[in-house]
């Protein structure tokens, strides 16, 4: 993108666990907090080249791989923590990614957008 001189967009994949704490997830939370910091720093470095860098941070998102690495009981507990009582569907997260990649977010850079229904 830098070499082309035409700008561009990067959307990183973070997680709300970069902000929140959850037992047994220190390694994952640290990695996602790192993605958030990388997003902020890369945004400053890329701005001179017309490149925007943002991140999306889903809370619980339903996908086949998640079911393979966790128990149904934990998934039910996590869904119960969401305001809507369910996980986000992949398309609901994808819509935010499309927004960040498109022109409607043309002034945004260095931001992490949560896709969650945090329990009140």
PDB file of N, CA and C in Angstrom:
ATOM      1  N   UNK A   1       0.826  -1.196   0.000  1.00  0.00           N
ATOM      2  CA  UNK A   1       0.000   0.000   0.000  1.00  0.00           C
ATOM      3  C   UNK A   1       0.864   1.251   0.000  1.00  0.00           C
ATOM      4  N   UNK A   2       1.931   1.192   0.761  1.00  0.00           N
ATOM      5  CA  UNK A   2       2.823   2.351   0.811  1.00  0.00           C
ATOM      6  C   UNK A   2       3.439   2.596  -0.558  1.00  0.00           C
ATOM      7  N   UNK A   3       3.921   1.547  -1.176  1.00  0.00           N
ATOM      8  CA  UNK A   3       4.587   1.681  -2.464  1.00  0.00           C
ATOM      9  C   UNK A   3       3.628   2.119  -3.571  1.00  0.00           C
ATOM     10  N   UNK A   4       2.374   1.718  -3.477  1.00  0.00           N
ATOM     11  CA  UNK A   4       1.416   2.064  -4.534  1.00  0.00           C
ATOM     12  C   UNK A   4       1.054   3.545  -4.510  1.00  0.00           C
ATOM     13  N   UNK A   5       1.133   4.151  -3.322  1.00  0.00           N
ATOM     14  CA  UNK A   5       0.795   5.558  -3.199  1.00  0.00           C
ATOM     15  C   UNK A   5      -0.684   5.863  -3.336  1.00  0.00           C
ATOM     16  N   UNK A   6      -1.515   4.840  -3.312  1.00  0.00           N
ATOM     17  CA  UNK A   6      -2.953   5.057  -3.474  1.00  0.00           C
ATOM     18  C   UNK A   6      -3.733   4.858  -2.183  1.00  0.00           C
ATOM     19  N   UNK A   7      -3.041   4.700  -1.081  1.00  0.00           N
ATOM     20  CA  UNK A   7      -3.717   4.520   0.199  1.00  0.00           C
ATOM     21  C   UNK A   7      -4.247   3.109   0.352  1.00  0.00           C
ATOM     22  N   UNK A   8      -5.109   2.942   1.331  1.00  0.00           N
ATOM     23  CA  UNK A   8      -5.675   1.629   1.571  1.00  0.00           C
ATOM     24  C   UNK A   8      -6.240   1.532   2.977  1.00  0.00           C
ATOM     25  N   UNK A   9      -6.700   0.347   3.299  1.00  0.00           N
ATOM     26  CA  UNK A   9      -7.328   0.095   4.591  1.00  0.00           C
ATOM     27  C   UNK A   9      -6.881  -1.249   5.125  1.00  0.00           C
ATOM     28  N   UNK A  10      -6.569  -1.276   6.408  1.00  0.00           N
ATOM     29  CA  UNK A  10      -6.281  -2.514   7.125  1.00  0.00           C
ATOM     30  C   UNK A  10      -7.299  -2.622   8.254  1.00  0.00           C
ATOM     31  N   UNK A  11      -7.931  -3.787   8.390  1.00  0.00           N
ATOM     32  CA  UNK A  11      -8.834  -4.042   9.509  1.00  0.00           C
ATOM     33  C   UNK A  11      -8.301  -5.258  10.260  1.00  0.00           C
ATOM     34  N   UNK A  12      -7.816  -5.023  11.462  1.00  0.00           N
ATOM     35  CA  UNK A  12      -7.283  -6.095  12.295  1.00  0.00           C
ATOM     36  C   UNK A  12      -8.397  -6.764  13.094  1.00  0.00           C
ATOM     37  N   UNK A  13      -8.148  -8.006  13.501  1.00  0.00           N
ATOM     38  CA  UNK A  13      -9.122  -8.768  14.277  1.00  0.00           C
ATOM     39  C   UNK A  13      -8.676  -8.824  15.726  1.00  0.00           C
ATOM     40  N   UNK A  14      -9.357  -8.076  16.577  1.00  0.00           N
ATOM     41  CA  UNK A  14      -9.072  -8.067  18.007  1.00  0.00           C
ATOM     42  C   UNK A  14     -10.205  -8.800  18.727  1.00  0.00           C
ATOM     43  N   UNK A  15     -10.435  -8.468  19.963  1.00  0.00           N
ATOM     44  CA  UNK A  15     -11.509  -9.068  20.757  1.00  0.00           C
ATOM     45  C   UNK A  15     -11.779  -8.156  21.941  1.00  0.00           C
ATOM     46  N   UNK A  16     -13.014  -8.179  22.450  1.00  0.00           N
ATOM     47  CA  UNK A  16     -13.297  -7.394  23.642  1.00  0.00           C
ATOM     48  C   UNK A  16     -12.476  -7.878  24.830  1.00  0.00           C
ATOM     49  N   UNK A  17     -11.924  -9.089  24.739  1.00  0.00           N
ATOM     50  CA  UNK A  17     -11.063  -9.557  25.827  1.00  0.00           C
ATOM     51  C   UNK A  17      -9.752  -8.785  25.892  1.00  0.00           C
ATOM     52  N   UNK A  18      -9.462  -7.980  24.873  1.00  0.00           N
ATOM     53  CA  UNK A  18      -8.333  -7.057  24.969  1.00  0.00           C
ATOM     54  C   UNK A  18      -8.584  -5.973  26.001  1.00  0.00           C
ATOM     55  N   UNK A  19      -9.862  -5.746  26.346  1.00  0.00           N
ATOM     56  CA  UNK A  19     -10.251  -4.777  27.376  1.00  0.00           C
ATOM     57  C   UNK A  19     -10.736  -5.456  28.651  1.00  0.00           C
ATOM     58  N   UNK A  20     -11.429  -6.576  28.503  1.00  0.00           N
ATOM     59  CA  UNK A  20     -12.083  -7.246  29.627  1.00  0.00           C
ATOM     60  C   UNK A  20     -11.229  -8.388  30.147  1.00  0.00           C
ATOM     61  N   UNK A  21     -11.578  -8.841  31.333  1.00  0.00           N
ATOM     62  CA  UNK A  21     -10.885  -9.996  31.920  1.00  0.00           C
ATOM     63  C   UNK A  21     -11.825 -11.199  31.928  1.00  0.00           C
ATOM     64  N   UNK A  22     -11.238 -12.378  31.730  1.00  0.00           N
ATOM     65  CA  UNK A  22     -12.002 -13.619  31.812  1.00  0.00           C
ATOM     66  C   UNK A  22     -11.054 -14.703  32.294  1.00  0.00           C
ATOM     67  N   UNK A  23     -11.482 -15.448  33.268  1.00  0.00           N
ATOM     68  CA  UNK A  23     -10.647 -16.526  33.811  1.00  0.00           C
ATOM     69  C   UNK A  23     -10.187 -17.478  32.708  1.00  0.00           C
ATOM     70  N   UNK A  24      -8.939 -17.871  32.795  1.00  0.00           N
ATOM     71  CA  UNK A  24      -8.394 -18.841  31.849  1.00  0.00           C
ATOM     72  C   UNK A  24      -8.068 -18.284  30.481  1.00  0.00           C
ATOM     73  N   UNK A  25      -8.175 -16.984  30.294  1.00  0.00           N
ATOM     74  CA  UNK A  25      -7.963 -16.390  28.973  1.00  0.00           C
ATOM     75  C   UNK A  25      -6.846 -15.351  28.954  1.00  0.00           C
ATOM     76  N   UNK A  26      -5.941 -15.405  29.922  1.00  0.00           N
ATOM     77  CA  UNK A  26      -4.872 -14.396  29.995  1.00  0.00           C
ATOM     78  C   UNK A  26      -4.055 -14.357  28.708  1.00  0.00           C
ATOM     79  N   UNK A  27      -3.722 -15.505  28.167  1.00  0.00           N
ATOM     80  CA  UNK A  27      -2.912 -15.558  26.946  1.00  0.00           C
ATOM     81  C   UNK A  27      -3.650 -14.921  25.769  1.00  0.00           C
ATOM     82  N   UNK A  28      -4.924 -15.234  25.641  1.00  0.00           N
ATOM     83  CA  UNK A  28      -5.735 -14.697  24.541  1.00  0.00           C
ATOM     84  C   UNK A  28      -5.952 -13.196  24.717  1.00  0.00           C
ATOM     85  N   UNK A  29      -6.280 -12.782  25.941  1.00  0.00           N
ATOM     86  CA  UNK A  29      -6.512 -11.364  26.219  1.00  0.00           C
ATOM     87  C   UNK A  29      -5.248 -10.544  25.953  1.00  0.00           C
ATOM     88  N   UNK A  30      -4.100 -11.071  26.351  1.00  0.00           N
ATOM     89  CA  UNK A  30      -2.842 -10.356  26.104  1.00  0.00           C
ATOM     90  C   UNK A  30      -2.570 -10.223  24.611  1.00  0.00           C
ATOM     91  N   UNK A  31      -2.838 -11.274  23.861  1.00  0.00           N
ATOM     92  CA  UNK A  31      -2.620 -11.223  22.416  1.00  0.00           C
ATOM     93  C   UNK A  31      -3.545 -10.200  21.761  1.00  0.00           C
ATOM     94  N   UNK A  32      -4.812 -10.168  22.165  1.00  0.00           N
ATOM     95  CA  UNK A  32      -5.762  -9.246  21.551  1.00  0.00           C
ATOM     96  C   UNK A  32      -5.505  -7.806  21.986  1.00  0.00           C
ATOM     97  N   UNK A  33      -5.045  -7.594  23.216  1.00  0.00           N
ATOM     98  CA  UNK A  33      -4.626  -6.249  23.639  1.00  0.00           C
ATOM     99  C   UNK A  33      -3.436  -5.794  22.793  1.00  0.00           C
ATOM    100  N   UNK A  34      -2.570  -6.726  22.452  1.00  0.00           N
ATOM    101  CA  UNK A  34      -1.453  -6.423  21.568  1.00  0.00           C
ATOM    102  C   UNK A  34      -1.910  -6.019  20.181  1.00  0.00           C
ATOM    103  N   UNK A  35      -2.932  -6.680  19.667  1.00  0.00           N
ATOM    104  CA  UNK A  35      -3.494  -6.311  18.365  1.00  0.00           C
ATOM    105  C   UNK A  35      -4.041  -4.887  18.416  1.00  0.00           C
ATOM    106  N   UNK A  36      -4.673  -4.538  19.522  1.00  0.00           N
ATOM    107  CA  UNK A  36      -5.219  -3.179  19.671  1.00  0.00           C
ATOM    108  C   UNK A  36      -4.100  -2.144  19.685  1.00  0.00           C
ATOM    109  N   UNK A  37      -3.024  -2.426  20.404  1.00  0.00           N
ATOM    110  CA  UNK A  37      -1.884  -1.505  20.444  1.00  0.00           C
ATOM    111  C   UNK A  37      -1.209  -1.420  19.078  1.00  0.00           C
ATOM    112  N   UNK A  38      -1.061  -2.548  18.414  1.00  0.00           N
ATOM    113  CA  UNK A  38      -0.501  -2.567  17.068  1.00  0.00           C
ATOM    114  C   UNK A  38      -1.340  -1.701  16.131  1.00  0.00           C
ATOM    115  N   UNK A  39      -2.653  -1.809  16.256  1.00  0.00           N
ATOM    116  CA  UNK A  39      -3.569  -1.021  15.421  1.00  0.00           C
ATOM    117  C   UNK A  39      -3.330   0.471  15.620  1.00  0.00           C
ATOM    118  N   UNK A  40      -3.234   0.911  16.872  1.00  0.00           N
ATOM    119  CA  UNK A  40      -3.025   2.341  17.144  1.00  0.00           C
ATOM    120  C   UNK A  40      -1.691   2.829  16.599  1.00  0.00           C
ATOM    121  N   UNK A  41      -0.637   2.066  16.824  1.00  0.00           N
ATOM    122  CA  UNK A  41       0.700   2.487  16.369  1.00  0.00           C
ATOM    123  C   UNK A  41       0.817   2.441  14.849  1.00  0.00           C
ATOM    124  N   UNK A  42       0.316   1.376  14.241  1.00  0.00           N
ATOM    125  CA  UNK A  42       0.382   1.255  12.785  1.00  0.00           C
ATOM    126  C   UNK A  42      -0.424   2.356  12.114  1.00  0.00           C
ATOM    127  N   UNK A  43      -1.540   2.757  12.735  1.00  0.00           N
ATOM    128  CA  UNK A  43      -2.357   3.829  12.171  1.00  0.00           C
ATOM    129  C   UNK A  43      -1.565   5.132  12.074  1.00  0.00           C
ATOM    130  N   UNK A  44      -0.801   5.440  13.104  1.00  0.00           N
ATOM    131  CA  UNK A  44       0.015   6.661  13.071  1.00  0.00           C
ATOM    132  C   UNK A  44       1.082   6.576  11.997  1.00  0.00           C
ATOM    133  N   UNK A  45       1.705   5.419  11.872  1.00  0.00           N
ATOM    134  CA  UNK A  45       2.776   5.250  10.889  1.00  0.00           C
ATOM    135  C   UNK A  45       2.256   5.224   9.456  1.00  0.00           C
ATOM    136  N   UNK A  46       1.049   4.700   9.263  1.00  0.00           N
ATOM    137  CA  UNK A  46       0.504   4.540   7.912  1.00  0.00           C
ATOM    138  C   UNK A  46      -0.234   5.775   7.410  1.00  0.00           C
ATOM    139  N   UNK A  47      -0.618   6.670   8.319  1.00  0.00           N
ATOM    140  CA  UNK A  47      -1.429   7.828   7.931  1.00  0.00           C
ATOM    141  C   UNK A  47      -0.745   8.688   6.868  1.00  0.00           C
ATOM    142  N   UNK A  48       0.548   8.824   6.949  1.00  0.00           N
ATOM    143  CA  UNK A  48       1.271   9.635   5.964  1.00  0.00           C
ATOM    144  C   UNK A  48       1.138   9.080   4.549  1.00  0.00           C
ATOM    145  N   UNK A  49       0.759   7.814   4.430  1.00  0.00           N
ATOM    146  CA  UNK A  49       0.631   7.157   3.127  1.00  0.00           C
ATOM    147  C   UNK A  49      -0.834   6.969   2.720  1.00  0.00           C
ATOM    148  N   UNK A  50      -1.738   7.587   3.486  1.00  0.00           N
ATOM    149  CA  UNK A  50      -3.149   7.476   3.166  1.00  0.00           C
ATOM    150  C   UNK A  50      -3.759   6.127   3.509  1.00  0.00           C
ATOM    151  N   UNK A  51      -3.097   5.397   4.388  1.00  0.00           N
ATOM    152  CA  UNK A  51      -3.584   4.073   4.792  1.00  0.00           C
ATOM    153  C   UNK A  51      -4.224   4.194   6.166  1.00  0.00           C
ATOM    154  N   UNK A  52      -5.450   3.704   6.278  1.00  0.00           N
ATOM    155  CA  UNK A  52      -6.148   3.673   7.559  1.00  0.00           C
ATOM    156  C   UNK A  52      -6.018   2.287   8.167  1.00  0.00           C
ATOM    157  N   UNK A  53      -5.835   2.244   9.483  1.00  0.00           N
ATOM    158  CA  UNK A  53      -5.698   0.968  10.195  1.00  0.00           C
ATOM    159  C   UNK A  53      -6.646   0.997  11.391  1.00  0.00           C
ATOM    160  N   UNK A  54      -7.601   0.099  11.403  1.00  0.00           N
ATOM    161  CA  UNK A  54      -8.549  -0.027  12.495  1.00  0.00           C
ATOM    162  C   UNK A  54      -8.675  -1.492  12.872  1.00  0.00           C
ATOM    163  N   UNK A  55      -9.441  -1.752  13.917  1.00  0.00           N
ATOM    164  CA  UNK A  55      -9.652  -3.133  14.354  1.00  0.00           C
ATOM    165  C   UNK A  55     -11.099  -3.339  14.751  1.00  0.00           C
ATOM    166  N   UNK A  56     -11.546  -4.558  14.640  1.00  0.00           N
ATOM    167  CA  UNK A  56     -12.864  -4.963  15.099  1.00  0.00           C
ATOM    168  C   UNK A  56     -12.647  -5.868  16.313  1.00  0.00           C
ATOM    169  N   UNK A  57     -13.485  -5.684  17.350  1.00  0.00           N
ATOM    170  CA  UNK A  57     -13.333  -6.458  18.589  1.00  0.00           C
ATOM    171  C   UNK A  57     -14.670  -7.091  18.964  1.00  0.00           C
ATOM    172  N   UNK A  58     -14.938  -8.276  18.440  1.00  0.00           N
ATOM    173  CA  UNK A  58     -16.181  -8.950  18.808  1.00  0.00           C
ATOM    174  C   UNK A  58     -16.134  -9.455  20.245  1.00  0.00           C
ATOM    175  N   UNK A  59     -17.311  -9.607  20.830  1.00  0.00           N
ATOM    176  CA  UNK A  59     -17.386 -10.317  22.112  1.00  0.00           C
ATOM    177  C   UNK A  59     -17.560 -11.782  21.751  1.00  0.00           C
ATOM    178  N   UNK A  60     -18.684 -12.347  21.958  1.00  0.00           N
ATOM    179  CA  UNK A  60     -18.928 -13.742  21.611  1.00  0.00           C
ATOM    180  C   UNK A  60     -19.504 -13.814  20.207  1.00  0.00           C
ATOM    181  N   UNK A  61     -18.808 -14.483  19.310  1.00  0.00           N
ATOM    182  CA  UNK A  61     -19.279 -14.635  17.935  1.00  0.00           C
ATOM    183  C   UNK A  61     -19.383 -16.115  17.602  1.00  0.00           C
ATOM    184  N   UNK A  62     -20.516 -16.500  17.064  1.00  0.00           N
ATOM    185  CA  UNK A  62     -20.774 -17.904  16.737  1.00  0.00           C
ATOM    186  C   UNK A  62     -20.014 -18.295  15.474  1.00  0.00           C
ATOM    187  N   UNK A  63     -19.217 -19.333  15.581  1.00  0.00           N
ATOM    188  CA  UNK A  63     -18.576 -19.910  14.401  1.00  0.00           C
ATOM    189  C   UNK A  63     -18.177 -21.347  14.730  1.00  0.00           C
ATOM    190  N   UNK A  64     -18.043 -22.200  13.718  1.00  0.00           N
ATOM    191  CA  UNK A  64     -17.791 -23.624  13.952  1.00  0.00           C
ATOM    192  C   UNK A  64     -16.531 -23.918  14.764  1.00  0.00           C
ATOM    193  N   UNK A  65     -15.499 -23.119  14.598  1.00  0.00           N
ATOM    194  CA  UNK A  65     -14.247 -23.379  15.313  1.00  0.00           C
ATOM    195  C   UNK A  65     -14.393 -23.160  16.816  1.00  0.00           C
ATOM    196  N   UNK A  66     -15.221 -22.220  17.209  1.00  0.00           N
ATOM    197  CA  UNK A  66     -15.433 -21.954  18.629  1.00  0.00           C
ATOM    198  C   UNK A  66     -16.029 -23.181  19.317  1.00  0.00           C
ATOM    199  N   UNK A  67     -16.970 -23.826  18.666  1.00  0.00           N
ATOM    200  CA  UNK A  67     -17.600 -25.025  19.235  1.00  0.00           C
ATOM    201  C   UNK A  67     -16.603 -26.165  19.407  1.00  0.00           C
ATOM    202  N   UNK A  68     -15.532 -26.159  18.619  1.00  0.00           N
ATOM    203  CA  UNK A  68     -14.514 -27.214  18.705  1.00  0.00           C
ATOM    204  C   UNK A  68     -13.569 -27.035  19.884  1.00  0.00           C
ATOM    205  N   UNK A  69     -13.430 -25.792  20.380  1.00  0.00           N
ATOM    206  CA  UNK A  69     -12.418 -25.523  21.410  1.00  0.00           C
ATOM    207  C   UNK A  69     -13.005 -25.170  22.769  1.00  0.00           C
ATOM    208  N   UNK A  70     -14.308 -25.283  22.905  1.00  0.00           N
ATOM    209  CA  UNK A  70     -14.934 -24.969  24.185  1.00  0.00           C
ATOM    210  C   UNK A  70     -16.108 -25.906  24.423  1.00  0.00           C
ATOM    211  N   UNK A  71     -16.636 -25.877  25.606  1.00  0.00           N
ATOM    212  CA  UNK A  71     -17.745 -26.758  25.953  1.00  0.00           C
ATOM    213  C   UNK A  71     -19.087 -26.070  25.695  1.00  0.00           C
ATOM    214  N   UNK A  72     -20.118 -26.858  25.438  1.00  0.00           N
ATOM    215  CA  UNK A  72     -21.449 -26.254  25.294  1.00  0.00           C
ATOM    216  C   UNK A  72     -21.871 -25.476  26.548  1.00  0.00           C
ATOM    217  N   UNK A  73     -21.485 -25.957  27.713  1.00  0.00           N
ATOM    218  CA  UNK A  73     -21.848 -25.264  28.956  1.00  0.00           C
ATOM    219  C   UNK A  73     -21.198 -23.880  29.019  1.00  0.00           C
ATOM    220  N   UNK A  74     -19.930 -23.787  28.631  1.00  0.00           N
ATOM    221  CA  UNK A  74     -19.258 -22.485  28.640  1.00  0.00           C
ATOM    222  C   UNK A  74     -19.873 -21.555  27.600  1.00  0.00           C
ATOM    223  N   UNK A  75     -20.181 -22.071  26.423  1.00  0.00           N
ATOM    224  CA  UNK A  75     -20.824 -21.237  25.401  1.00  0.00           C
ATOM    225  C   UNK A  75     -22.164 -20.700  25.891  1.00  0.00           C
ATOM    226  N   UNK A  76     -22.922 -21.526  26.589  1.00  0.00           N
ATOM    227  CA  UNK A  76     -24.200 -21.088  27.135  1.00  0.00           C
ATOM    228  C   UNK A  76     -23.997 -20.011  28.200  1.00  0.00           C
ATOM    229  N   UNK A  77     -22.985 -20.207  29.048  1.00  0.00           N
ATOM    230  CA  UNK A  77     -22.694 -19.203  30.079  1.00  0.00           C
ATOM    231  C   UNK A  77     -22.290 -17.874  29.452  1.00  0.00           C
ATOM    232  N   UNK A  78     -21.412 -17.927  28.458  1.00  0.00           N
ATOM    233  CA  UNK A  78     -20.961 -16.706  27.797  1.00  0.00           C
ATOM    234  C   UNK A  78     -22.110 -16.009  27.071  1.00  0.00           C
ATOM    235  N   UNK A  79     -22.964 -16.768  26.418  1.00  0.00           N
ATOM    236  CA  UNK A  79     -24.124 -16.179  25.741  1.00  0.00           C
ATOM    237  C   UNK A  79     -25.041 -15.497  26.754  1.00  0.00           C
ATOM    238  N   UNK A  80     -25.143 -16.071  27.941  1.00  0.00           N
ATOM    239  CA  UNK A  80     -25.972 -15.483  28.987  1.00  0.00           C
ATOM    240  C   UNK A  80     -25.451 -14.152  29.483  1.00  0.00           C
ATOM    241  N   UNK A  81     -24.180 -13.885  29.265  1.00  0.00           N
ATOM    242  CA  UNK A  81     -23.599 -12.597  29.659  1.00  0.00           C
ATOM    243  C   UNK A  81     -23.883 -11.491  28.655  1.00  0.00           C
ATOM    244  N   UNK A  82     -24.327 -11.867  27.470  1.00  0.00           N
ATOM    245  CA  UNK A  82     -24.621 -10.890  26.423  1.00  0.00           C
ATOM    246  C   UNK A  82     -26.027 -10.340  26.622  1.00  0.00           C
ATOM    247  N   UNK A  83     -26.231  -9.077  26.317  1.00  0.00           N
ATOM    248  CA  UNK A  83     -27.536  -8.440  26.511  1.00  0.00           C
ATOM    249  C   UNK A  83     -28.639  -9.128  25.709  1.00  0.00           C
ATOM    250  N   UNK A  84     -28.299  -9.628  24.528  1.00  0.00           N
ATOM    251  CA  UNK A  84     -29.300 -10.305  23.703  1.00  0.00           C
ATOM    252  C   UNK A  84     -29.392 -11.794  24.020  1.00  0.00           C
ATOM    253  N   UNK A  85     -28.546 -12.275  24.932  1.00  0.00           N
ATOM    254  CA  UNK A  85     -28.593 -13.672  25.343  1.00  0.00           C
ATOM    255  C   UNK A  85     -28.121 -14.649  24.283  1.00  0.00           C
ATOM    256  N   UNK A  86     -27.334 -14.176  23.350  1.00  0.00           N
ATOM    257  CA  UNK A  86     -26.832 -15.042  22.277  1.00  0.00           C
ATOM    258  C   UNK A  86     -25.508 -14.502  21.764  1.00  0.00           C
ATOM    259  N   UNK A  87     -24.841 -15.323  21.005  1.00  0.00           N
ATOM    260  CA  UNK A  87     -23.614 -14.906  20.330  1.00  0.00           C
ATOM    261  C   UNK A  87     -23.963 -14.094  19.086  1.00  0.00           C
ATOM    262  N   UNK A  88     -23.039 -13.268  18.659  1.00  0.00           N
ATOM    263  CA  UNK A  88     -23.197 -12.559  17.386  1.00  0.00           C
ATOM    264  C   UNK A  88     -23.077 -13.562  16.245  1.00  0.00           C
ATOM    265  N   UNK A  89     -23.813 -13.336  15.204  1.00  0.00           N
ATOM    266  CA  UNK A  89     -23.668 -14.140  13.991  1.00  0.00           C
ATOM    267  C   UNK A  89     -22.478 -13.590  13.205  1.00  0.00           C
ATOM    268  N   UNK A  90     -21.798 -14.435  12.436  1.00  0.00           N
ATOM    269  CA  UNK A  90     -20.643 -13.942  11.665  1.00  0.00           C
ATOM    270  C   UNK A  90     -20.959 -12.725  10.802  1.00  0.00           C
ATOM    271  N   UNK A  91     -22.141 -12.678  10.197  1.00  0.00           N
ATOM    272  CA  UNK A  91     -22.479 -11.537   9.340  1.00  0.00           C
ATOM    273  C   UNK A  91     -22.595 -10.249  10.134  1.00  0.00           C
ATOM    274  N   UNK A  92     -22.939 -10.337  11.420  1.00  0.00           N
ATOM    275  CA  UNK A  92     -23.056  -9.130  12.235  1.00  0.00           C
ATOM    276  C   UNK A  92     -21.677  -8.514  12.488  1.00  0.00           C
ATOM    277  N   UNK A  93     -20.675  -9.349  12.640  1.00  0.00           N
ATOM    278  CA  UNK A  93     -19.298  -8.870  12.780  1.00  0.00           C
ATOM    279  C   UNK A  93     -18.797  -8.386  11.420  1.00  0.00           C
ATOM    280  N   UNK A  94     -19.106  -9.129  10.373  1.00  0.00           N
ATOM    281  CA  UNK A  94     -18.667  -8.767   9.023  1.00  0.00           C
ATOM    282  C   UNK A  94     -19.191  -7.394   8.604  1.00  0.00           C
ATOM    283  N   UNK A  95     -20.409  -7.052   9.014  1.00  0.00           N
ATOM    284  CA  UNK A  95     -20.954  -5.731   8.668  1.00  0.00           C
ATOM    285  C   UNK A  95     -20.089  -4.607   9.212  1.00  0.00           C
ATOM    286  N   UNK A  96     -19.550  -4.776  10.406  1.00  0.00           N
ATOM    287  CA  UNK A  96     -18.689  -3.746  10.994  1.00  0.00           C
ATOM    288  C   UNK A  96     -17.358  -3.700  10.249  1.00  0.00           C
ATOM    289  N   UNK A  97     -16.859  -4.857   9.858  1.00  0.00           N
ATOM    290  CA  UNK A  97     -15.617  -4.896   9.071  1.00  0.00           C
ATOM    291  C   UNK A  97     -15.821  -4.174   7.741  1.00  0.00           C
ATOM    292  N   UNK A  98     -16.948  -4.412   7.087  1.00  0.00           N
ATOM    293  CA  UNK A  98     -17.255  -3.727   5.819  1.00  0.00           C
ATOM    294  C   UNK A  98     -17.306  -2.217   6.047  1.00  0.00           C
ATOM    295  N   UNK A  99     -17.935  -1.782   7.139  1.00  0.00           N
ATOM    296  CA  UNK A  99     -17.974  -0.358   7.467  1.00  0.00           C
ATOM    297  C   UNK A  99     -16.556   0.199   7.610  1.00  0.00           C
ATOM    298  N   UNK A 100     -15.706  -0.490   8.372  1.00  0.00           N
ATOM    299  CA  UNK A 100     -14.343  -0.008   8.596  1.00  0.00           C
ATOM    300  C   UNK A 100     -13.516  -0.004   7.312  1.00  0.00           C
ATOM    301  N   UNK A 101     -13.819  -0.904   6.408  1.00  0.00           N
ATOM    302  CA  UNK A 101     -13.069  -0.979   5.149  1.00  0.00           C
ATOM    303  C   UNK A 101     -13.573   0.012   4.108  1.00  0.00           C
ATOM    304  N   UNK A 102     -14.754   0.558   4.331  1.00  0.00           N
ATOM    305  CA  UNK A 102     -15.367   1.413   3.324  1.00  0.00           C
ATOM    306  C   UNK A 102     -15.213   2.902   3.572  1.00  0.00           C
ATOM    307  N   UNK A 103     -15.822   3.649   2.689  1.00  0.00           N
ATOM    308  CA  UNK A 103     -15.708   5.101   2.717  1.00  0.00           C
ATOM    309  C   UNK A 103     -16.463   5.771   3.856  1.00  0.00           C
ATOM    310  N   UNK A 104     -17.476   5.117   4.426  1.00  0.00           N
ATOM    311  CA  UNK A 104     -18.223   5.731   5.526  1.00  0.00           C
ATOM    312  C   UNK A 104     -17.359   5.940   6.770  1.00  0.00           C
ATOM    313  N   UNK A 105     -16.240   5.251   6.846  1.00  0.00           N
ATOM    314  CA  UNK A 105     -15.328   5.426   7.983  1.00  0.00           C
ATOM    315  C   UNK A 105     -14.023   6.092   7.544  1.00  0.00           C
ATOM    316  N   UNK A 106     -14.105   6.927   6.520  1.00  0.00           N
ATOM    317  CA  UNK A 106     -12.898   7.490   5.900  1.00  0.00           C
ATOM    318  C   UNK A 106     -12.042   8.341   6.825  1.00  0.00           C
ATOM    319  N   UNK A 107     -12.594   8.831   7.922  1.00  0.00           N
ATOM    320  CA  UNK A 107     -11.809   9.643   8.850  1.00  0.00           C
ATOM    321  C   UNK A 107     -11.301   8.828  10.033  1.00  0.00           C
ATOM    322  N   UNK A 108     -11.693   7.601  10.134  1.00  0.00           N
ATOM    323  CA  UNK A 108     -11.310   6.770  11.280  1.00  0.00           C
ATOM    324  C   UNK A 108      -9.991   6.060  11.021  1.00  0.00           C
ATOM    325  N   UNK A 109      -9.103   6.155  11.983  1.00  0.00           N
ATOM    326  CA  UNK A 109      -7.889   5.348  11.958  1.00  0.00           C
ATOM    327  C   UNK A 109      -7.383   5.197  13.385  1.00  0.00           C
ATOM    328  N   UNK A 110      -6.812   4.052  13.676  1.00  0.00           N
ATOM    329  CA  UNK A 110      -6.299   3.775  15.013  1.00  0.00           C
ATOM    330  C   UNK A 110      -7.372   3.375  16.007  1.00  0.00           C
ATOM    331  N   UNK A 111      -8.565   3.092  15.527  1.00  0.00           N
ATOM    332  CA  UNK A 111      -9.683   2.783  16.412  1.00  0.00           C
ATOM    333  C   UNK A 111      -9.955   1.278  16.478  1.00  0.00           C
ATOM    334  N   UNK A 112     -10.456   0.864  17.626  1.00  0.00           N
ATOM    335  CA  UNK A 112     -10.946  -0.503  17.786  1.00  0.00           C
ATOM    336  C   UNK A 112     -12.438  -0.403  18.089  1.00  0.00           C
ATOM    337  N   UNK A 113     -13.242  -1.022  17.242  1.00  0.00           N
ATOM    338  CA  UNK A 113     -14.691  -0.960  17.374  1.00  0.00           C
ATOM    339  C   UNK A 113     -15.200  -2.277  17.969  1.00  0.00           C
ATOM    340  N   UNK A 114     -15.869  -2.173  19.102  1.00  0.00           N
ATOM    341  CA  UNK A 114     -16.447  -3.356  19.743  1.00  0.00           C
ATOM    342  C   UNK A 114     -17.709  -3.770  19.004  1.00  0.00           C
ATOM    343  N   UNK A 115     -17.856  -5.072  18.800  1.00  0.00           N
ATOM    344  CA  UNK A 115     -19.090  -5.647  18.283  1.00  0.00           C
ATOM    345  C   UNK A 115     -19.592  -6.560  19.383  1.00  0.00           C
ATOM    346  N   UNK A 116     -20.359  -5.975  20.290  1.00  0.00           N
ATOM    347  CA  UNK A 116     -20.810  -6.749  21.444  1.00  0.00           C
ATOM    348  C   UNK A 116     -22.147  -6.220  21.928  1.00  0.00           C
ATOM    349  N   UNK A 117     -22.790  -7.038  22.710  1.00  0.00           N
ATOM    350  CA  UNK A 117     -24.006  -6.604  23.383  1.00  0.00           C
ATOM    351  C   UNK A 117     -23.744  -6.792  24.869  1.00  0.00           C
ATOM    352  N   UNK A 118     -22.877  -5.944  25.364  1.00  0.00           N
ATOM    353  CA  UNK A 118     -22.463  -6.050  26.757  1.00  0.00           C
ATOM    354  C   UNK A 118     -23.674  -6.058  27.659  1.00  0.00           C
ATOM    355  N   UNK A 119     -23.669  -6.987  28.560  1.00  0.00           N
ATOM    356  CA  UNK A 119     -24.778  -7.125  29.497  1.00  0.00           C
ATOM    357  C   UNK A 119     -24.862  -5.899  30.381  1.00  0.00           C
ATOM    358  N   UNK A 120     -26.081  -5.349  30.548  1.00  0.00           N
ATOM    359  CA  UNK A 120     -26.217  -4.133  31.370  1.00  0.00           C
ATOM    360  C   UNK A 120     -25.822  -4.336  32.824  1.00  0.00           C
TER     361      UNK A 120
END
